[in-house]
């Protein structure tokens, strides 16, 4: 599986470099292919209209190979993550709560309610599990 992954990475890099080269070799609107290799040779390199068709088709094929390699890499990486098991956060050590004399209280004690005895009675009668957190 690792060898296949490396092979697809190599194919993707080669296709990316070929896309870069093919895009840089294509001519603009006013220039012809012979301008890159010296003037006067525009008709002899790929033919009169063959250069644009050849280059654009080659770029399209290289782009399709790059797209396919990218999809294959994403599928392989997804499969590798599920077979290896877990993510990045699965190996983090969870803290153990401290109990006893050295424990830090997690709740702030309520201030005494001298003027609201009805509210204190309502809080006292509510079960602890029913209070939203």
C-alpha atoms as a PDB file:
ATOM      1  CA  UNK A   1       0.000   0.000   0.000  1.00  0.00           C
ATOM      2  CA  UNK A   2       2.855   2.359   0.801  1.00  0.00           C
ATOM      3  CA  UNK A   3       4.502   1.666  -2.571  1.00  0.00           C
ATOM      4  CA  UNK A   4       1.233   2.421  -4.387  1.00  0.00           C
ATOM      5  CA  UNK A   5       0.873   5.663  -2.432  1.00  0.00           C
ATOM      6  CA  UNK A   6       4.404   6.712  -3.396  1.00  0.00           C
ATOM      7  CA  UNK A   7       3.761   5.818  -7.038  1.00  0.00           C
ATOM      8  CA  UNK A   8       0.637   7.979  -7.163  1.00  0.00           C
ATOM      9  CA  UNK A   9       2.557  10.862  -5.550  1.00  0.00           C
ATOM     10  CA  UNK A  10       5.252  10.566  -8.239  1.00  0.00           C
ATOM     11  CA  UNK A  11       2.604  10.516 -10.996  1.00  0.00           C
ATOM     12  CA  UNK A  12       0.968  13.594  -9.495  1.00  0.00           C
ATOM     13  CA  UNK A  13       4.240  15.531  -9.311  1.00  0.00           C
ATOM     14  CA  UNK A  14       5.202  14.609 -12.882  1.00  0.00           C
ATOM     15  CA  UNK A  15       1.772  15.613 -14.181  1.00  0.00           C
ATOM     16  CA  UNK A  16       1.959  18.919 -12.275  1.00  0.00           C
ATOM     17  CA  UNK A  17       5.371  19.698 -13.774  1.00  0.00           C
ATOM     18  CA  UNK A  18       4.126  18.794 -17.247  1.00  0.00           C
ATOM     19  CA  UNK A  19       1.120  21.098 -16.827  1.00  0.00           C
ATOM     20  CA  UNK A  20       3.458  23.926 -15.858  1.00  0.00           C
ATOM     21  CA  UNK A  21       5.727  23.263 -18.839  1.00  0.00           C
ATOM     22  CA  UNK A  22       2.858  22.939 -21.315  1.00  0.00           C
ATOM     23  CA  UNK A  23       1.174  26.127 -20.146  1.00  0.00           C
ATOM     24  CA  UNK A  24       4.440  28.044 -20.393  1.00  0.00           C
ATOM     25  CA  UNK A  25       5.116  26.691 -23.886  1.00  0.00           C
ATOM     26  CA  UNK A  26       1.717  27.696 -25.258  1.00  0.00           C
ATOM     27  CA  UNK A  27       1.687  30.867 -27.251  1.00  0.00           C
ATOM     28  CA  UNK A  28      -0.473  33.887 -26.697  1.00  0.00           C
ATOM     29  CA  UNK A  29      -2.929  35.451 -29.105  1.00  0.00           C
ATOM     30  CA  UNK A  30      -0.416  37.380 -31.174  1.00  0.00           C
ATOM     31  CA  UNK A  31       2.570  35.069 -31.032  1.00  0.00           C
ATOM     32  CA  UNK A  32       3.119  31.819 -32.876  1.00  0.00           C
ATOM     33  CA  UNK A  33       5.093  28.787 -31.747  1.00  0.00           C
ATOM     34  CA  UNK A  34       8.081  29.693 -33.880  1.00  0.00           C
ATOM     35  CA  UNK A  35       8.662  32.836 -31.835  1.00  0.00           C
ATOM     36  CA  UNK A  36       9.904  30.704 -28.946  1.00  0.00           C
ATOM     37  CA  UNK A  37      12.478  28.930 -31.145  1.00  0.00           C
ATOM     38  CA  UNK A  38      13.370  31.768 -33.500  1.00  0.00           C
ATOM     39  CA  UNK A  39      11.391  33.546 -36.158  1.00  0.00           C
ATOM     40  CA  UNK A  40      10.430  31.902 -39.409  1.00  0.00           C
ATOM     41  CA  UNK A  41       9.871  28.385 -38.055  1.00  0.00           C
ATOM     42  CA  UNK A  42       6.237  28.716 -37.042  1.00  0.00           C
ATOM     43  CA  UNK A  43       4.861  26.442 -39.734  1.00  0.00           C
ATOM     44  CA  UNK A  44       7.397  23.661 -39.385  1.00  0.00           C
ATOM     45  CA  UNK A  45       7.275  22.743 -35.695  1.00  0.00           C
ATOM     46  CA  UNK A  46       3.756  21.342 -35.238  1.00  0.00           C
ATOM     47  CA  UNK A  47       2.205  22.454 -38.492  1.00  0.00           C
ATOM     48  CA  UNK A  48       0.193  25.576 -39.256  1.00  0.00           C
ATOM     49  CA  UNK A  49      -2.682  24.900 -36.811  1.00  0.00           C
ATOM     50  CA  UNK A  50      -1.296  21.830 -35.088  1.00  0.00           C
ATOM     51  CA  UNK A  51       0.542  23.613 -32.319  1.00  0.00           C
ATOM     52  CA  UNK A  52      -2.532  24.942 -30.551  1.00  0.00           C
ATOM     53  CA  UNK A  53      -4.401  21.648 -30.839  1.00  0.00           C
ATOM     54  CA  UNK A  54      -1.451  19.531 -29.729  1.00  0.00           C
ATOM     55  CA  UNK A  55      -0.567  21.764 -26.796  1.00  0.00           C
ATOM     56  CA  UNK A  56      -4.125  22.237 -25.584  1.00  0.00           C
ATOM     57  CA  UNK A  57      -4.879  18.511 -25.826  1.00  0.00           C
ATOM     58  CA  UNK A  58      -1.647  17.649 -24.028  1.00  0.00           C
ATOM     59  CA  UNK A  59      -2.461  20.136 -21.278  1.00  0.00           C
ATOM     60  CA  UNK A  60      -5.943  18.650 -20.937  1.00  0.00           C
ATOM     61  CA  UNK A  61      -4.548  15.117 -20.648  1.00  0.00           C
ATOM     62  CA  UNK A  62      -1.991  16.210 -18.055  1.00  0.00           C
ATOM     63  CA  UNK A  63      -4.716  18.003 -16.092  1.00  0.00           C
ATOM     64  CA  UNK A  64      -6.929  14.891 -16.168  1.00  0.00           C
ATOM     65  CA  UNK A  65      -4.019  12.743 -14.915  1.00  0.00           C
ATOM     66  CA  UNK A  66      -3.316  15.289 -12.160  1.00  0.00           C
ATOM     67  CA  UNK A  67      -6.988  15.341 -11.139  1.00  0.00           C
ATOM     68  CA  UNK A  68      -7.160  11.541 -11.081  1.00  0.00           C
ATOM     69  CA  UNK A  69      -3.971  11.267  -9.037  1.00  0.00           C
ATOM     70  CA  UNK A  70      -5.286  13.826  -6.568  1.00  0.00           C
ATOM     71  CA  UNK A  71      -8.522  11.868  -6.113  1.00  0.00           C
ATOM     72  CA  UNK A  72      -6.583   8.628  -5.703  1.00  0.00           C
ATOM     73  CA  UNK A  73      -4.334  10.218  -3.074  1.00  0.00           C
ATOM     74  CA  UNK A  74      -7.294  11.535  -1.120  1.00  0.00           C
ATOM     75  CA  UNK A  75      -8.985   8.126  -1.165  1.00  0.00           C
ATOM     76  CA  UNK A  76      -5.763   6.388  -0.093  1.00  0.00           C
ATOM     77  CA  UNK A  77      -5.179   8.888   2.702  1.00  0.00           C
ATOM     78  CA  UNK A  78      -8.748   8.456   3.927  1.00  0.00           C
ATOM     79  CA  UNK A  79      -8.408   4.673   3.863  1.00  0.00           C
ATOM     80  CA  UNK A  80      -5.033   4.866   5.612  1.00  0.00           C
ATOM     81  CA  UNK A  81      -6.488   7.046   8.399  1.00  0.00           C
ATOM     82  CA  UNK A  82      -9.336   4.604   9.094  1.00  0.00           C
ATOM     83  CA  UNK A  83      -7.143   1.485   9.021  1.00  0.00           C
ATOM     84  CA  UNK A  84      -4.371   2.941  11.182  1.00  0.00           C
ATOM     85  CA  UNK A  85      -6.993   4.047  13.642  1.00  0.00           C
ATOM     86  CA  UNK A  86      -7.724   7.295  15.313  1.00  0.00           C
ATOM     87  CA  UNK A  87      -6.876  10.845  14.684  1.00  0.00           C
ATOM     88  CA  UNK A  88      -4.443  13.307  16.109  1.00  0.00           C
ATOM     89  CA  UNK A  89      -6.413  13.959  19.288  1.00  0.00           C
ATOM     90  CA  UNK A  90      -6.830  10.279  20.211  1.00  0.00           C
ATOM     91  CA  UNK A  91      -3.304  10.093  21.615  1.00  0.00           C
ATOM     92  CA  UNK A  92      -3.702  13.119  23.907  1.00  0.00           C
ATOM     93  CA  UNK A  93      -3.609  12.166  27.578  1.00  0.00           C
ATOM     94  CA  UNK A  94      -6.792  13.223  29.325  1.00  0.00           C
ATOM     95  CA  UNK A  95      -6.307  14.894  32.726  1.00  0.00           C
ATOM     96  CA  UNK A  96      -7.548  12.979  35.760  1.00  0.00           C
ATOM     97  CA  UNK A  97      -9.789  15.024  38.078  1.00  0.00           C
ATOM     98  CA  UNK A  98      -8.224  15.700  41.480  1.00  0.00           C
ATOM     99  CA  UNK A  99     -10.339  14.860  44.503  1.00  0.00           C
ATOM    100  CA  UNK A 100      -9.689  15.315  48.174  1.00  0.00           C
ATOM    101  CA  UNK A 101      -7.972  18.073  50.116  1.00  0.00           C
ATOM    102  CA  UNK A 102      -5.960  19.411  47.153  1.00  0.00           C
ATOM    103  CA  UNK A 103      -8.975  19.691  44.828  1.00  0.00           C
ATOM    104  CA  UNK A 104      -9.913  23.036  43.349  1.00  0.00           C
ATOM    105  CA  UNK A 105     -13.658  23.678  43.574  1.00  0.00           C
ATOM    106  CA  UNK A 106     -15.314  23.700  40.145  1.00  0.00           C
ATOM    107  CA  UNK A 107     -18.318  25.719  41.248  1.00  0.00           C
ATOM    108  CA  UNK A 108     -18.416  29.103  42.897  1.00  0.00           C
ATOM    109  CA  UNK A 109     -20.339  29.046  46.184  1.00  0.00           C
ATOM    110  CA  UNK A 110     -23.552  31.028  46.004  1.00  0.00           C
ATOM    111  CA  UNK A 111     -23.877  34.216  48.006  1.00  0.00           C
ATOM    112  CA  UNK A 112     -26.367  33.956  50.850  1.00  0.00           C
ATOM    113  CA  UNK A 113     -29.809  35.154  49.816  1.00  0.00           C
ATOM    114  CA  UNK A 114     -31.127  36.980  52.850  1.00  0.00           C
ATOM    115  CA  UNK A 115     -34.036  38.696  51.132  1.00  0.00           C
ATOM    116  CA  UNK A 116     -35.248  35.849  48.882  1.00  0.00           C
ATOM    117  CA  UNK A 117     -36.207  32.782  50.946  1.00  0.00           C
ATOM    118  CA  UNK A 118     -38.676  31.595  48.252  1.00  0.00           C
ATOM    119  CA  UNK A 119     -35.923  31.444  45.600  1.00  0.00           C
ATOM    120  CA  UNK A 120     -33.667  29.499  47.945  1.00  0.00           C
ATOM    121  CA  UNK A 121     -36.476  27.025  48.633  1.00  0.00           C
ATOM    122  CA  UNK A 122     -37.071  26.568  44.874  1.00  0.00           C
ATOM    123  CA  UNK A 123     -33.383  25.896  44.267  1.00  0.00           C
ATOM    124  CA  UNK A 124     -33.227  23.456  47.170  1.00  0.00           C
ATOM    125  CA  UNK A 125     -36.222  21.472  45.892  1.00  0.00           C
ATOM    126  CA  UNK A 126     -34.823  21.092  42.350  1.00  0.00           C
ATOM    127  CA  UNK A 127     -32.878  17.852  41.788  1.00  0.00           C
ATOM    128  CA  UNK A 128     -29.216  18.367  40.864  1.00  0.00           C
ATOM    129  CA  UNK A 129     -29.565  16.455  37.581  1.00  0.00           C
ATOM    130  CA  UNK A 130     -32.321  18.730  36.290  1.00  0.00           C
ATOM    131  CA  UNK A 131     -30.239  21.911  36.419  1.00  0.00           C
ATOM    132  CA  UNK A 132     -28.915  22.787  32.954  1.00  0.00           C
ATOM    133  CA  UNK A 133     -25.181  23.282  32.694  1.00  0.00           C
END
